[in-house]
């Protein structure tokens, strides 16, 4: 026996309602058989003993041997990275002409259990003839694939996105 088009639509709608009803019954059964929720009992108290864990005397895997603030490799990385960023990102020919009087302003300032960092400051002159200060940190394990050392640096007055704001404070101890 064949059904007409209208009868087939009615049968499909009834089948859909049956599936919805079966799904609702399954959800109701799951909720009805779930364990009851327990309320917090604030009348009883539980005491816990605190254990003090002393920090490690040194951060394993790091030697703490970093180049000096005035090392030519460090200054070279800063000057080349500055010129590349100015040229590639800002479309500017600004560069660091001279970097002088590098000095250390902190070494492992956050303690021996942190990644070793040497914080430095130096005086510089940019190609627009303005004297500026450059702050930088030499970080152990910050080189390619975690090998060697890397440098984060900031030239005062040229931190346009304020990544190290305010006044290059984020690369100082």
C-alpha atoms as a PDB file:
ATOM      1  CA  UNK A   1       0.000   0.000   0.000  1.00  0.00           C
ATOM      2  CA  UNK A   2       1.454   3.315  -1.028  1.00  0.00           C
ATOM      3  CA  UNK A   3       1.071   6.550   0.871  1.00  0.00           C
ATOM      4  CA  UNK A   4       0.194   9.814  -0.756  1.00  0.00           C
ATOM      5  CA  UNK A   5       2.588  12.783  -0.432  1.00  0.00           C
ATOM      6  CA  UNK A   6       0.639  14.380   2.423  1.00  0.00           C
ATOM      7  CA  UNK A   7       0.435  11.097   4.351  1.00  0.00           C
ATOM      8  CA  UNK A   8       4.214  10.599   3.970  1.00  0.00           C
ATOM      9  CA  UNK A   9       4.884  14.077   5.382  1.00  0.00           C
ATOM     10  CA  UNK A  10       2.622  13.375   8.349  1.00  0.00           C
ATOM     11  CA  UNK A  11       4.439  10.061   8.982  1.00  0.00           C
ATOM     12  CA  UNK A  12       7.864  11.817   8.841  1.00  0.00           C
ATOM     13  CA  UNK A  13       6.697  14.491  11.282  1.00  0.00           C
ATOM     14  CA  UNK A  14       5.341  11.859  13.688  1.00  0.00           C
ATOM     15  CA  UNK A  15       8.622   9.940  13.494  1.00  0.00           C
ATOM     16  CA  UNK A  16      10.559  13.142  14.308  1.00  0.00           C
ATOM     17  CA  UNK A  17       8.349  13.821  17.329  1.00  0.00           C
ATOM     18  CA  UNK A  18       8.901  10.260  18.557  1.00  0.00           C
ATOM     19  CA  UNK A  19      12.686  10.689  18.315  1.00  0.00           C
ATOM     20  CA  UNK A  20      12.486  13.968  20.230  1.00  0.00           C
ATOM     21  CA  UNK A  21      10.304  12.323  22.881  1.00  0.00           C
ATOM     22  CA  UNK A  22      12.746   9.413  23.219  1.00  0.00           C
ATOM     23  CA  UNK A  23      15.664  11.839  23.606  1.00  0.00           C
ATOM     24  CA  UNK A  24      13.837  13.813  26.278  1.00  0.00           C
ATOM     25  CA  UNK A  25      13.057  10.593  28.168  1.00  0.00           C
ATOM     26  CA  UNK A  26      16.741   9.580  28.054  1.00  0.00           C
ATOM     27  CA  UNK A  27      17.821  12.938  29.501  1.00  0.00           C
ATOM     28  CA  UNK A  28      15.158  12.724  32.212  1.00  0.00           C
ATOM     29  CA  UNK A  29      16.289   9.204  33.146  1.00  0.00           C
ATOM     30  CA  UNK A  30      19.924  10.328  33.375  1.00  0.00           C
ATOM     31  CA  UNK A  31      19.029  13.243  35.655  1.00  0.00           C
ATOM     32  CA  UNK A  32      16.761  11.101  37.834  1.00  0.00           C
ATOM     33  CA  UNK A  33      19.424   8.430  38.446  1.00  0.00           C
ATOM     34  CA  UNK A  34      22.303  10.855  39.094  1.00  0.00           C
ATOM     35  CA  UNK A  35      23.588  11.017  42.679  1.00  0.00           C
ATOM     36  CA  UNK A  36      22.273  13.870  44.770  1.00  0.00           C
ATOM     37  CA  UNK A  37      24.433  16.953  45.095  1.00  0.00           C
ATOM     38  CA  UNK A  38      26.005  17.472  48.477  1.00  0.00           C
ATOM     39  CA  UNK A  39      25.982  20.867  50.137  1.00  0.00           C
ATOM     40  CA  UNK A  40      29.086  22.313  51.760  1.00  0.00           C
ATOM     41  CA  UNK A  41      29.383  21.563  55.468  1.00  0.00           C
ATOM     42  CA  UNK A  42      30.871  24.663  57.062  1.00  0.00           C
ATOM     43  CA  UNK A  43      30.295  23.374  60.618  1.00  0.00           C
ATOM     44  CA  UNK A  44      33.217  20.965  60.485  1.00  0.00           C
ATOM     45  CA  UNK A  45      36.769  22.148  60.060  1.00  0.00           C
ATOM     46  CA  UNK A  46      39.703  20.349  58.578  1.00  0.00           C
ATOM     47  CA  UNK A  47      43.224  21.279  59.531  1.00  0.00           C
ATOM     48  CA  UNK A  48      46.085  21.012  57.112  1.00  0.00           C
ATOM     49  CA  UNK A  49      49.770  21.130  57.896  1.00  0.00           C
ATOM     50  CA  UNK A  50      51.786  23.534  55.815  1.00  0.00           C
ATOM     51  CA  UNK A  51      55.111  22.390  54.467  1.00  0.00           C
ATOM     52  CA  UNK A  52      57.661  24.991  53.519  1.00  0.00           C
ATOM     53  CA  UNK A  53      59.581  24.220  50.358  1.00  0.00           C
ATOM     54  CA  UNK A  54      62.892  26.011  50.098  1.00  0.00           C
ATOM     55  CA  UNK A  55      63.815  27.271  46.630  1.00  0.00           C
ATOM     56  CA  UNK A  56      66.607  25.522  44.802  1.00  0.00           C
ATOM     57  CA  UNK A  57      70.001  27.158  45.303  1.00  0.00           C
ATOM     58  CA  UNK A  58      70.418  27.507  41.547  1.00  0.00           C
ATOM     59  CA  UNK A  59      68.392  27.006  38.413  1.00  0.00           C
ATOM     60  CA  UNK A  60      69.433  23.687  36.949  1.00  0.00           C
ATOM     61  CA  UNK A  61      70.648  23.749  33.382  1.00  0.00           C
ATOM     62  CA  UNK A  62      71.980  27.306  33.449  1.00  0.00           C
ATOM     63  CA  UNK A  63      75.571  28.247  34.094  1.00  0.00           C
ATOM     64  CA  UNK A  64      75.070  31.978  34.625  1.00  0.00           C
ATOM     65  CA  UNK A  65      77.982  32.749  32.299  1.00  0.00           C
ATOM     66  CA  UNK A  66      76.883  35.649  30.139  1.00  0.00           C
ATOM     67  CA  UNK A  67      78.889  38.091  28.038  1.00  0.00           C
ATOM     68  CA  UNK A  68      79.738  41.464  29.531  1.00  0.00           C
ATOM     69  CA  UNK A  69      77.619  44.523  28.780  1.00  0.00           C
ATOM     70  CA  UNK A  70      80.301  45.999  26.524  1.00  0.00           C
ATOM     71  CA  UNK A  71      80.940  42.778  24.583  1.00  0.00           C
ATOM     72  CA  UNK A  72      81.204  43.489  20.848  1.00  0.00           C
ATOM     73  CA  UNK A  73      78.807  40.616  20.051  1.00  0.00           C
ATOM     74  CA  UNK A  74      76.121  42.078  22.291  1.00  0.00           C
ATOM     75  CA  UNK A  75      76.509  45.630  20.952  1.00  0.00           C
ATOM     76  CA  UNK A  76      76.599  44.276  17.392  1.00  0.00           C
ATOM     77  CA  UNK A  77      73.315  42.405  17.856  1.00  0.00           C
ATOM     78  CA  UNK A  78      71.621  45.507  19.239  1.00  0.00           C
ATOM     79  CA  UNK A  79      72.824  47.853  16.472  1.00  0.00           C
ATOM     80  CA  UNK A  80      72.020  45.434  13.636  1.00  0.00           C
ATOM     81  CA  UNK A  81      68.600  44.505  15.056  1.00  0.00           C
ATOM     82  CA  UNK A  82      67.740  48.176  15.613  1.00  0.00           C
ATOM     83  CA  UNK A  83      68.655  49.108  12.027  1.00  0.00           C
ATOM     84  CA  UNK A  84      66.748  46.125  10.605  1.00  0.00           C
ATOM     85  CA  UNK A  85      63.626  46.936  12.622  1.00  0.00           C
ATOM     86  CA  UNK A  86      63.688  50.617  11.700  1.00  0.00           C
ATOM     87  CA  UNK A  87      64.195  49.850   8.020  1.00  0.00           C
ATOM     88  CA  UNK A  88      61.835  46.886   7.715  1.00  0.00           C
ATOM     89  CA  UNK A  89      59.025  47.840  10.048  1.00  0.00           C
ATOM     90  CA  UNK A  90      59.039  51.609  10.303  1.00  0.00           C
ATOM     91  CA  UNK A  91      60.502  52.430   6.853  1.00  0.00           C
ATOM     92  CA  UNK A  92      63.121  54.642   8.470  1.00  0.00           C
ATOM     93  CA  UNK A  93      66.860  54.994   7.893  1.00  0.00           C
ATOM     94  CA  UNK A  94      67.447  55.630  11.594  1.00  0.00           C
ATOM     95  CA  UNK A  95      70.366  53.673  13.057  1.00  0.00           C
ATOM     96  CA  UNK A  96      72.594  53.669  16.117  1.00  0.00           C
ATOM     97  CA  UNK A  97      75.818  55.464  15.186  1.00  0.00           C
ATOM     98  CA  UNK A  98      77.720  54.907  18.393  1.00  0.00           C
ATOM     99  CA  UNK A  99      77.090  52.991  21.583  1.00  0.00           C
ATOM    100  CA  UNK A 100      79.275  54.048  24.479  1.00  0.00           C
ATOM    101  CA  UNK A 101      79.711  53.728  28.214  1.00  0.00           C
ATOM    102  CA  UNK A 102      77.990  50.352  28.610  1.00  0.00           C
ATOM    103  CA  UNK A 103      77.534  49.432  32.253  1.00  0.00           C
ATOM    104  CA  UNK A 104      75.882  46.681  34.224  1.00  0.00           C
ATOM    105  CA  UNK A 105      72.858  47.721  36.263  1.00  0.00           C
ATOM    106  CA  UNK A 106      71.897  44.256  37.502  1.00  0.00           C
ATOM    107  CA  UNK A 107      72.846  40.591  37.376  1.00  0.00           C
ATOM    108  CA  UNK A 108      70.424  37.854  38.406  1.00  0.00           C
ATOM    109  CA  UNK A 109      68.428  40.581  40.111  1.00  0.00           C
ATOM    110  CA  UNK A 110      65.429  38.312  40.641  1.00  0.00           C
ATOM    111  CA  UNK A 111      67.414  35.616  42.434  1.00  0.00           C
ATOM    112  CA  UNK A 112      69.431  32.522  41.574  1.00  0.00           C
ATOM    113  CA  UNK A 113      66.419  30.312  40.796  1.00  0.00           C
ATOM    114  CA  UNK A 114      65.407  32.437  37.772  1.00  0.00           C
ATOM    115  CA  UNK A 115      66.869  32.337  34.275  1.00  0.00           C
ATOM    116  CA  UNK A 116      70.180  34.241  34.432  1.00  0.00           C
ATOM    117  CA  UNK A 117      69.969  37.781  33.053  1.00  0.00           C
ATOM    118  CA  UNK A 118      72.472  40.607  32.929  1.00  0.00           C
ATOM    119  CA  UNK A 119      70.826  44.041  32.818  1.00  0.00           C
ATOM    120  CA  UNK A 120      72.758  46.824  31.116  1.00  0.00           C
ATOM    121  CA  UNK A 121      72.490  50.468  30.105  1.00  0.00           C
ATOM    122  CA  UNK A 122      74.514  52.467  27.585  1.00  0.00           C
ATOM    123  CA  UNK A 123      74.578  55.876  25.952  1.00  0.00           C
ATOM    124  CA  UNK A 124      73.965  56.049  22.211  1.00  0.00           C
ATOM    125  CA  UNK A 125      73.625  58.556  19.401  1.00  0.00           C
ATOM    126  CA  UNK A 126      71.218  57.866  16.562  1.00  0.00           C
ATOM    127  CA  UNK A 127      71.707  59.014  12.973  1.00  0.00           C
ATOM    128  CA  UNK A 128      69.351  61.933  13.617  1.00  0.00           C
ATOM    129  CA  UNK A 129      72.110  63.196  15.991  1.00  0.00           C
ATOM    130  CA  UNK A 130      69.998  62.799  19.136  1.00  0.00           C
ATOM    131  CA  UNK A 131      71.601  61.369  22.255  1.00  0.00           C
ATOM    132  CA  UNK A 132      69.573  58.520  23.713  1.00  0.00           C
ATOM    133  CA  UNK A 133      69.911  55.733  26.235  1.00  0.00           C
ATOM    134  CA  UNK A 134      69.643  52.083  25.378  1.00  0.00           C
ATOM    135  CA  UNK A 135      68.642  49.554  28.020  1.00  0.00           C
ATOM    136  CA  UNK A 136      69.164  45.877  27.348  1.00  0.00           C
ATOM    137  CA  UNK A 137      69.169  42.501  29.011  1.00  0.00           C
ATOM    138  CA  UNK A 138      71.360  39.569  28.064  1.00  0.00           C
ATOM    139  CA  UNK A 139      69.463  36.337  28.714  1.00  0.00           C
ATOM    140  CA  UNK A 140      70.970  32.870  28.983  1.00  0.00           C
ATOM    141  CA  UNK A 141      69.180  30.223  26.926  1.00  0.00           C
ATOM    142  CA  UNK A 142      67.476  32.824  24.734  1.00  0.00           C
ATOM    143  CA  UNK A 143      69.427  32.048  21.577  1.00  0.00           C
ATOM    144  CA  UNK A 144      68.317  29.898  18.648  1.00  0.00           C
ATOM    145  CA  UNK A 145      66.525  26.757  19.904  1.00  0.00           C
ATOM    146  CA  UNK A 146      67.327  27.706  23.492  1.00  0.00           C
ATOM    147  CA  UNK A 147      71.070  27.556  22.964  1.00  0.00           C
ATOM    148  CA  UNK A 148      73.431  30.403  23.811  1.00  0.00           C
ATOM    149  CA  UNK A 149      72.251  33.830  24.821  1.00  0.00           C
ATOM    150  CA  UNK A 150      69.921  36.472  23.444  1.00  0.00           C
ATOM    151  CA  UNK A 151      69.358  40.192  23.897  1.00  0.00           C
ATOM    152  CA  UNK A 152      66.200  42.212  24.536  1.00  0.00           C
ATOM    153  CA  UNK A 153      66.785  45.928  24.059  1.00  0.00           C
ATOM    154  CA  UNK A 154      64.953  49.235  24.093  1.00  0.00           C
ATOM    155  CA  UNK A 155      66.078  52.689  22.949  1.00  0.00           C
ATOM    156  CA  UNK A 156      64.432  55.481  24.944  1.00  0.00           C
ATOM    157  CA  UNK A 157      62.112  57.620  22.870  1.00  0.00           C
ATOM    158  CA  UNK A 158      61.884  54.998  20.119  1.00  0.00           C
ATOM    159  CA  UNK A 159      59.670  52.380  21.777  1.00  0.00           C
ATOM    160  CA  UNK A 160      56.801  53.335  19.478  1.00  0.00           C
ATOM    161  CA  UNK A 161      54.474  50.486  20.434  1.00  0.00           C
ATOM    162  CA  UNK A 162      55.410  50.869  24.088  1.00  0.00           C
ATOM    163  CA  UNK A 163      56.385  47.212  24.305  1.00  0.00           C
ATOM    164  CA  UNK A 164      58.831  48.047  27.102  1.00  0.00           C
ATOM    165  CA  UNK A 165      56.938  51.050  28.494  1.00  0.00           C
ATOM    166  CA  UNK A 166      57.151  53.183  30.472  1.00  0.00           C
ATOM    167  CA  UNK A 167      60.541  54.511  29.446  1.00  0.00           C
ATOM    168  CA  UNK A 168      62.041  51.077  28.668  1.00  0.00           C
ATOM    169  CA  UNK A 169      61.370  49.949  32.242  1.00  0.00           C
ATOM    170  CA  UNK A 170      60.571  46.369  31.218  1.00  0.00           C
ATOM    171  CA  UNK A 171      64.182  45.642  30.239  1.00  0.00           C
ATOM    172  CA  UNK A 172      65.555  46.927  33.525  1.00  0.00           C
ATOM    173  CA  UNK A 173      65.867  45.011  36.797  1.00  0.00           C
END
